[in-house]
PDB file of N, CA and C in Angstrom:
ATOM      1  N   MET A   1     128.626  71.444  59.652  1.00  0.00           N
ATOM      2  CA  MET A   1     129.444  70.563  60.451  1.00  0.00           C
ATOM      3  C   MET A   1     128.853  69.165  60.375  1.00  0.00           C
ATOM      4  N   SER A   2     129.679  68.164  60.255  1.00  0.00           N
ATOM      5  CA  SER A   2     129.191  66.794  60.142  1.00  0.00           C
ATOM      6  C   SER A   2     128.735  66.269  61.508  1.00  0.00           C
ATOM      7  N   SER A   3     127.944  65.199  61.479  1.00  0.00           N
ATOM      8  CA  SER A   3     127.442  64.638  62.732  1.00  0.00           C
ATOM      9  C   SER A   3     128.573  64.037  63.570  1.00  0.00           C
ATOM     10  N   THR A   4     129.618  63.532  62.925  1.00  0.00           N
ATOM     11  CA  THR A   4     130.755  62.986  63.665  1.00  0.00           C
ATOM     12  C   THR A   4     131.470  64.088  64.427  1.00  0.00           C
ATOM     13  N   ALA A   5     131.649  65.229  63.782  1.00  0.00           N
ATOM     14  CA  ALA A   5     132.303  66.354  64.451  1.00  0.00           C
ATOM     15  C   ALA A   5     131.442  66.867  65.602  1.00  0.00           C
ATOM     16  N   THR A   6     130.135  66.883  65.419  1.00  0.00           N
ATOM     17  CA  THR A   6     129.236  67.338  66.477  1.00  0.00           C
ATOM     18  C   THR A   6     129.296  66.389  67.668  1.00  0.00           C
ATOM     19  N   ARG A   7     129.285  65.079  67.408  1.00  0.00           N
ATOM     20  CA  ARG A   7     129.386  64.109  68.494  1.00  0.00           C
ATOM     21  C   ARG A   7     130.708  64.237  69.234  1.00  0.00           C
ATOM     22  N   ARG A   8     131.774  64.463  68.506  1.00  0.00           N
ATOM     23  CA  ARG A   8     133.083  64.601  69.127  1.00  0.00           C
ATOM     24  C   ARG A   8     133.116  65.826  70.023  1.00  0.00           C
ATOM     25  N   MET A   9     132.567  66.938  69.576  1.00  0.00           N
ATOM     26  CA  MET A   9     132.524  68.148  70.397  1.00  0.00           C
ATOM     27  C   MET A   9     131.608  67.948  71.597  1.00  0.00           C
ATOM     28  N   GLY A  10     130.508  67.227  71.419  1.00  0.00           N
ATOM     29  CA  GLY A  10     129.598  66.957  72.520  1.00  0.00           C
ATOM     30  C   GLY A  10     130.264  66.152  73.615  1.00  0.00           C
ATOM     31  N   GLY A  11     131.082  65.196  73.224  1.00  0.00           N
ATOM     32  CA  GLY A  11     131.826  64.402  74.194  1.00  0.00           C
ATOM     33  C   GLY A  11     132.802  65.260  74.984  1.00  0.00           C
ATOM     34  N   TRP A  12     133.465  66.174  74.307  1.00  0.00           N
ATOM     35  CA  TRP A  12     134.387  67.078  74.990  1.00  0.00           C
ATOM     36  C   TRP A  12     133.629  68.003  75.924  1.00  0.00           C
ATOM     37  N   GLY A  13     132.459  68.433  75.501  1.00  0.00           N
ATOM     38  CA  GLY A  13     131.650  69.304  76.357  1.00  0.00           C
ATOM     39  C   GLY A  13     131.261  68.614  77.653  1.00  0.00           C
ATOM     40  N   VAL A  14     130.868  67.342  77.544  1.00  0.00           N
ATOM     41  CA  VAL A  14     130.516  66.567  78.735  1.00  0.00           C
ATOM     42  C   VAL A  14     131.744  66.388  79.623  1.00  0.00           C
ATOM     43  N   LEU A  15     132.874  66.095  79.019  1.00  0.00           N
ATOM     44  CA  LEU A  15     134.110  65.925  79.783  1.00  0.00           C
ATOM     45  C   LEU A  15     134.476  67.207  80.535  1.00  0.00           C
ATOM     46  N   VAL A  16     134.381  68.331  79.861  1.00  0.00           N
ATOM     47  CA  VAL A  16     134.695  69.616  80.494  1.00  0.00           C
ATOM     48  C   VAL A  16     133.718  69.897  81.634  1.00  0.00           C
ATOM     49  N   LEU A  17     132.440  69.620  81.417  1.00  0.00           N
ATOM     50  CA  LEU A  17     131.436  69.858  82.449  1.00  0.00           C
ATOM     51  C   LEU A  17     131.671  68.981  83.675  1.00  0.00           C
ATOM     52  N   VAL A  18     131.982  67.713  83.466  1.00  0.00           N
ATOM     53  CA  VAL A  18     132.250  66.806  84.584  1.00  0.00           C
ATOM     54  C   VAL A  18     133.532  67.223  85.314  1.00  0.00           C
ATOM     55  N   ALA A  19     134.558  67.611  84.571  1.00  0.00           N
ATOM     56  CA  ALA A  19     135.811  68.057  85.187  1.00  0.00           C
ATOM     57  C   ALA A  19     135.590  69.321  86.012  1.00  0.00           C
ATOM     58  N   LEU A  20     134.779  70.236  85.500  1.00  0.00           N
ATOM     59  CA  LEU A  20     134.477  71.469  86.237  1.00  0.00           C
ATOM     60  C   LEU A  20     133.692  71.160  87.507  1.00  0.00           C
ATOM     61  N   ALA A  21     132.731  70.274  87.421  1.00  0.00           N
ATOM     62  CA  ALA A  21     131.951  69.890  88.601  1.00  0.00           C
ATOM     63  C   ALA A  21     132.842  69.240  89.653  1.00  0.00           C
ATOM     64  N   GLN A  22     133.742  68.378  89.235  1.00  0.00           N
ATOM     65  CA  GLN A  22     134.656  67.733  90.173  1.00  0.00           C
ATOM     66  C   GLN A  22     135.591  68.756  90.811  1.00  0.00           C
ATOM     67  N   PHE A  23     136.052  69.722  90.034  1.00  0.00           N
ATOM     68  CA  PHE A  23     136.903  70.782  90.575  1.00  0.00           C
ATOM     69  C   PHE A  23     136.168  71.570  91.652  1.00  0.00           C
ATOM     70  N   ILE A  24     134.896  71.873  91.420  1.00  0.00           N
ATOM     71  CA  ILE A  24     134.114  72.639  92.393  1.00  0.00           C
ATOM     72  C   ILE A  24     133.927  71.839  93.678  1.00  0.00           C
ATOM     73  N   VAL A  25     133.686  70.539  93.559  1.00  0.00           N
ATOM     74  CA  VAL A  25     133.536  69.686  94.747  1.00  0.00           C
ATOM     75  C   VAL A  25     134.829  69.673  95.553  1.00  0.00           C
ATOM     76  N   ILE A  26     135.956  69.504  94.879  1.00  0.00           N
ATOM     77  CA  ILE A  26     137.245  69.483  95.575  1.00  0.00           C
ATOM     78  C   ILE A  26     137.537  70.842  96.204  1.00  0.00           C
ATOM     79  N   LEU A  27     137.241  71.918  95.492  1.00  0.00           N
ATOM     80  CA  LEU A  27     137.451  73.261  96.030  1.00  0.00           C
ATOM     81  C   LEU A  27     136.591  73.494  97.260  1.00  0.00           C
ATOM     82  N   ASP A  28     135.352  73.065  97.216  1.00  0.00           N
ATOM     83  CA  ASP A  28     134.439  73.213  98.343  1.00  0.00           C
ATOM     84  C   ASP A  28     134.960  72.490  99.582  1.00  0.00           C
ATOM     85  N   THR A  29     135.412  71.259  99.408  1.00  0.00           N
ATOM     86  CA  THR A  29     135.947  70.487 100.530  1.00  0.00           C
ATOM     87  C   THR A  29     137.237  71.107 101.049  1.00  0.00           C
ATOM     88  N   THR A  30     138.049  71.655 100.153  1.00  0.00           N
ATOM     89  CA  THR A  30     139.285  72.320 100.572  1.00  0.00           C
ATOM     90  C   THR A  30     138.979  73.549 101.416  1.00  0.00           C
ATOM     91  N   ILE A  31     137.943  74.287 101.046  1.00  0.00           N
ATOM     92  CA  ILE A  31     137.553  75.471 101.819  1.00  0.00           C
ATOM     93  C   ILE A  31     137.172  75.071 103.243  1.00  0.00           C
ATOM     94  N   VAL A  32     136.429  73.971 103.379  1.00  0.00           N
ATOM     95  CA  VAL A  32     136.061  73.497 104.715  1.00  0.00           C
ATOM     96  C   VAL A  32     137.312  73.112 105.492  1.00  0.00           C
ATOM     97  N   ASN A  33     138.250  72.425 104.853  1.00  0.00           N
ATOM     98  CA  ASN A  33     139.480  72.027 105.545  1.00  0.00           C
ATOM     99  C   ASN A  33     140.318  73.228 105.964  1.00  0.00           C
ATOM    100  N   VAL A  34     140.340  74.275 105.156  1.00  0.00           N
ATOM    101  CA  VAL A  34     141.093  75.480 105.513  1.00  0.00           C
ATOM    102  C   VAL A  34     140.430  76.193 106.696  1.00  0.00           C
ATOM    103  N   ALA A  35     139.118  76.096 106.789  1.00  0.00           N
ATOM    104  CA  ALA A  35     138.387  76.766 107.864  1.00  0.00           C
ATOM    105  C   ALA A  35     138.405  75.985 109.179  1.00  0.00           C
ATOM    106  N   LEU A  36     138.944  74.766 109.184  1.00  0.00           N
ATOM    107  CA  LEU A  36     138.916  73.937 110.388  1.00  0.00           C
ATOM    108  C   LEU A  36     139.558  74.577 111.615  1.00  0.00           C
ATOM    109  N   PRO A  37     140.726  75.233 111.524  1.00  0.00           N
ATOM    110  CA  PRO A  37     141.279  75.863 112.732  1.00  0.00           C
ATOM    111  C   PRO A  37     140.349  76.933 113.314  1.00  0.00           C
ATOM    112  N   SER A  38     139.718  77.691 112.457  1.00  0.00           N
ATOM    113  CA  SER A  38     138.775  78.709 112.934  1.00  0.00           C
ATOM    114  C   SER A  38     137.549  78.060 113.574  1.00  0.00           C
ATOM    115  N   ILE A  39     137.065  76.992 112.968  1.00  0.00           N
ATOM    116  CA  ILE A  39     135.921  76.262 113.530  1.00  0.00           C
ATOM    117  C   ILE A  39     136.297  75.666 114.883  1.00  0.00           C
ATOM    118  N   GLN A  40     137.513  75.130 114.969  1.00  0.00           N
ATOM    119  CA  GLN A  40     137.969  74.531 116.220  1.00  0.00           C
ATOM    120  C   GLN A  40     138.036  75.562 117.345  1.00  0.00           C
ATOM    121  N   SER A  41     138.584  76.735 117.048  1.00  0.00           N
ATOM    122  CA  SER A  41     138.691  77.750 118.099  1.00  0.00           C
ATOM    123  C   SER A  41     137.333  78.357 118.454  1.00  0.00           C
ATOM    124  N   SER A  42     136.457  78.499 117.478  1.00  0.00           N
ATOM    125  CA  SER A  42     135.138  79.090 117.748  1.00  0.00           C
ATOM    126  C   SER A  42     134.262  78.176 118.601  1.00  0.00           C
ATOM    127  N   PHE A  43     134.295  76.886 118.325  1.00  0.00           N
ATOM    128  CA  PHE A  43     133.406  75.955 119.011  1.00  0.00           C
ATOM    129  C   PHE A  43     134.112  75.096 120.057  1.00  0.00           C
ATOM    130  N   GLY A  44     135.437  75.239 120.173  1.00  0.00           N
ATOM    131  CA  GLY A  44     136.195  74.475 121.163  1.00  0.00           C
ATOM    132  C   GLY A  44     136.161  72.975 120.913  1.00  0.00           C
ATOM    133  N   LEU A  45     136.330  72.574 119.671  1.00  0.00           N
ATOM    134  CA  LEU A  45     136.246  71.169 119.299  1.00  0.00           C
ATOM    135  C   LEU A  45     137.594  70.475 119.413  1.00  0.00           C
ATOM    136  N   SER A  46     137.551  69.181 119.702  1.00  0.00           N
ATOM    137  CA  SER A  46     138.764  68.370 119.719  1.00  0.00           C
ATOM    138  C   SER A  46     139.080  67.940 118.283  1.00  0.00           C
ATOM    139  N   PRO A  47     140.306  67.466 118.031  1.00  0.00           N
ATOM    140  CA  PRO A  47     140.642  66.993 116.676  1.00  0.00           C
ATOM    141  C   PRO A  47     139.722  65.870 116.190  1.00  0.00           C
ATOM    142  N   GLU A  48     139.267  65.022 117.114  1.00  0.00           N
ATOM    143  CA  GLU A  48     138.354  63.942 116.722  1.00  0.00           C
ATOM    144  C   GLU A  48     137.019  64.512 116.233  1.00  0.00           C
ATOM    145  N   ASN A  49     136.553  65.553 116.896  1.00  0.00           N
ATOM    146  CA  ASN A  49     135.290  66.173 116.497  1.00  0.00           C
ATOM    147  C   ASN A  49     135.425  66.960 115.196  1.00  0.00           C
ATOM    148  N   LEU A  50     136.628  67.457 114.919  1.00  0.00           N
ATOM    149  CA  LEU A  50     136.845  68.154 113.644  1.00  0.00           C
ATOM    150  C   LEU A  50     136.665  67.200 112.470  1.00  0.00           C
ATOM    151  N   GLN A  51     137.047  65.946 112.649  1.00  0.00           N
ATOM    152  CA  GLN A  51     136.845  64.961 111.590  1.00  0.00           C
ATOM    153  C   GLN A  51     135.360  64.774 111.309  1.00  0.00           C
ATOM    154  N   TRP A  52     134.536  64.872 112.361  1.00  0.00           N
ATOM    155  CA  TRP A  52     133.093  64.768 112.172  1.00  0.00           C
ATOM    156  C   TRP A  52     132.550  65.938 111.372  1.00  0.00           C
ATOM    157  N   VAL A  53     133.150  67.106 111.524  1.00  0.00           N
ATOM    158  CA  VAL A  53     132.730  68.278 110.743  1.00  0.00           C
ATOM    159  C   VAL A  53     132.956  68.013 109.256  1.00  0.00           C
ATOM    160  N   VAL A  54     134.140  67.516 108.918  1.00  0.00           N
ATOM    161  CA  VAL A  54     134.462  67.225 107.517  1.00  0.00           C
ATOM    162  C   VAL A  54     133.547  66.120 106.977  1.00  0.00           C
ATOM    163  N   THR A  55     133.357  65.079 107.770  1.00  0.00           N
ATOM    164  CA  THR A  55     132.510  63.963 107.345  1.00  0.00           C
ATOM    165  C   THR A  55     131.072  64.419 107.138  1.00  0.00           C
ATOM    166  N   ALA A  56     130.540  65.182 108.071  1.00  0.00           N
ATOM    167  CA  ALA A  56     129.156  65.658 107.960  1.00  0.00           C
ATOM    168  C   ALA A  56     128.992  66.569 106.754  1.00  0.00           C
ATOM    169  N   TYR A  57     129.947  67.467 106.527  1.00  0.00           N
ATOM    170  CA  TYR A  57     129.847  68.371 105.382  1.00  0.00           C
ATOM    171  C   TYR A  57     129.869  67.590 104.070  1.00  0.00           C
ATOM    172  N   THR A  58     130.787  66.646 103.960  1.00  0.00           N
ATOM    173  CA  THR A  58     130.895  65.848 102.736  1.00  0.00           C
ATOM    174  C   THR A  58     129.633  65.012 102.517  1.00  0.00           C
ATOM    175  N   LEU A  59     129.111  64.418 103.584  1.00  0.00           N
ATOM    176  CA  LEU A  59     127.910  63.597 103.478  1.00  0.00           C
ATOM    177  C   LEU A  59     126.688  64.420 103.072  1.00  0.00           C
ATOM    178  N   VAL A  60     126.500  65.562 103.707  1.00  0.00           N
ATOM    179  CA  VAL A  60     125.360  66.428 103.365  1.00  0.00           C
ATOM    180  C   VAL A  60     125.488  66.939 101.933  1.00  0.00           C
ATOM    181  N   SER A  61     126.682  67.273 101.531  1.00  0.00           N
ATOM    182  CA  SER A  61     126.910  67.741 100.167  1.00  0.00           C
ATOM    183  C   SER A  61     126.578  66.645  99.152  1.00  0.00           C
ATOM    184  N   ALA A  62     127.020  65.432  99.418  1.00  0.00           N
ATOM    185  CA  ALA A  62     126.756  64.318  98.497  1.00  0.00           C
ATOM    186  C   ALA A  62     125.273  63.984  98.432  1.00  0.00           C
ATOM    187  N   VAL A  63     124.605  63.965  99.578  1.00  0.00           N
ATOM    188  CA  VAL A  63     123.177  63.646  99.606  1.00  0.00           C
ATOM    189  C   VAL A  63     122.368  64.728  98.905  1.00  0.00           C
ATOM    190  N   SER A  64     122.731  65.987  99.105  1.00  0.00           N
ATOM    191  CA  SER A  64     121.978  67.064  98.451  1.00  0.00           C
ATOM    192  C   SER A  64     122.165  67.032  96.942  1.00  0.00           C
ATOM    193  N   CYS A  65     123.367  66.674  96.488  1.00  0.00           N
ATOM    194  CA  CYS A  65     123.582  66.549  95.041  1.00  0.00           C
ATOM    195  C   CYS A  65     122.770  65.400  94.474  1.00  0.00           C
ATOM    196  N   CYS A  66     122.772  64.281  95.165  1.00  0.00           N
ATOM    197  CA  CYS A  66     122.022  63.104  94.685  1.00  0.00           C
ATOM    198  C   CYS A  66     120.529  63.347  94.729  1.00  0.00           C
ATOM    199  N   SER A  67     120.039  63.960  95.792  1.00  0.00           N
ATOM    200  CA  SER A  67     118.596  64.176  95.900  1.00  0.00           C
ATOM    201  C   SER A  67     118.124  65.237  94.922  1.00  0.00           C
ATOM    202  N   ALA A  68     118.938  66.222  94.649  1.00  0.00           N
ATOM    203  CA  ALA A  68     118.558  67.242  93.668  1.00  0.00           C
ATOM    204  C   ALA A  68     118.492  66.624  92.281  1.00  0.00           C
ATOM    205  N   ASP A  69     119.353  65.671  92.018  1.00  0.00           N
ATOM    206  CA  ASP A  69     119.356  64.998  90.729  1.00  0.00           C
ATOM    207  C   ASP A  69     118.215  63.994  90.630  1.00  0.00           C
ATOM    208  N   ALA A  70     117.864  63.359  91.744  1.00  0.00           N
ATOM    209  CA  ALA A  70     116.891  62.274  91.703  1.00  0.00           C
ATOM    210  C   ALA A  70     115.454  62.734  91.843  1.00  0.00           C
ATOM    211  N   SER A  71     115.208  63.961  92.317  1.00  0.00           N
ATOM    212  CA  SER A  71     113.823  64.353  92.568  1.00  0.00           C
ATOM    213  C   SER A  71     112.912  64.274  91.357  1.00  0.00           C
ATOM    214  N   PRO A  72     113.265  64.826  90.202  1.00  0.00           N
ATOM    215  CA  PRO A  72     112.357  64.672  89.072  1.00  0.00           C
ATOM    216  C   PRO A  72     112.207  63.218  88.655  1.00  0.00           C
ATOM    217  N   THR A  73     113.283  62.457  88.762  1.00  0.00           N
ATOM    218  CA  THR A  73     113.229  61.052  88.388  1.00  0.00           C
ATOM    219  C   THR A  73     112.291  60.298  89.322  1.00  0.00           C
ATOM    220  N   CYS A  74     112.352  60.586  90.606  1.00  0.00           N
ATOM    221  CA  CYS A  74     111.493  59.888  91.565  1.00  0.00           C
ATOM    222  C   CYS A  74     110.031  60.229  91.323  1.00  0.00           C
ATOM    223  N   SER A  75     109.716  61.480  91.038  1.00  0.00           N
ATOM    224  CA  SER A  75     108.317  61.829  90.809  1.00  0.00           C
ATOM    225  C   SER A  75     107.813  61.212  89.515  1.00  0.00           C
ATOM    226  N   ASP A  76     108.686  61.116  88.506  1.00  0.00           N
ATOM    227  CA  ASP A  76     108.286  60.471  87.258  1.00  0.00           C
ATOM    228  C   ASP A  76     108.045  58.980  87.473  1.00  0.00           C
ATOM    229  N   ALA A  77     108.899  58.347  88.278  1.00  0.00           N
ATOM    230  CA  ALA A  77     108.771  56.915  88.504  1.00  0.00           C
ATOM    231  C   ALA A  77     107.524  56.587  89.329  1.00  0.00           C
ATOM    232  N   SER A  78     107.135  57.509  90.222  1.00  0.00           N
ATOM    233  CA  SER A  78     105.968  57.238  91.055  1.00  0.00           C
ATOM    234  C   SER A  78     104.677  57.680  90.363  1.00  0.00           C
ATOM    235  N   GLY A  79     104.784  58.219  89.176  1.00  0.00           N
ATOM    236  CA  GLY A  79     103.594  58.629  88.439  1.00  0.00           C
ATOM    237  C   GLY A  79     103.086  59.995  88.839  1.00  0.00           C
ATOM    238  N   GLY A  80     103.929  60.778  89.520  1.00  0.00           N
ATOM    239  CA  GLY A  80     103.513  62.110  89.950  1.00  0.00           C
ATOM    240  C   GLY A  80     103.315  63.041  88.772  1.00  0.00           C
ATOM    241  N   SER A  81     102.466  63.993  88.950  1.00  0.00           N
ATOM    242  CA  SER A  81     102.167  64.952  87.882  1.00  0.00           C
ATOM    243  C   SER A  81     102.788  66.290  88.222  1.00  0.00           C
ATOM    244  N   SER A  82     103.310  66.960  87.227  1.00  0.00           N
ATOM    245  CA  SER A  82     103.912  68.269  87.478  1.00  0.00           C
ATOM    246  C   SER A  82     102.887  69.390  87.386  1.00  0.00           C
ATOM    247  N   SER A  83     101.668  69.080  86.926  1.00  0.00           N
ATOM    248  CA  SER A  83     100.651  70.116  86.840  1.00  0.00           C
ATOM    249  C   SER A  83      99.943  70.277  88.179  1.00  0.00           C
ATOM    250  N   PRO A  84      99.486  71.499  88.485  1.00  0.00           N
ATOM    251  CA  PRO A  84      98.837  71.746  89.793  1.00  0.00           C
ATOM    252  C   PRO A  84      97.490  71.072  89.924  1.00  0.00           C
TER     253      PRO A  84
END
């Protein structure tokens, strides 16, 4: 296979991976939204407080994704060693 064909397939692979990741994020948020009536009845929350549930879930999800991605980068930038 030529290098041009390999690069073209690699680009498609990245596109598919990013699309799949975005689908999972949207699916995850949809699951939380579907569970809102059950959460409301279980905890006796007002509609205003339900918005905080969605906001908190989305924020924690975004921060955990960013921090999981940044941890090796941060240790490399600070000169940390991976050896014990």
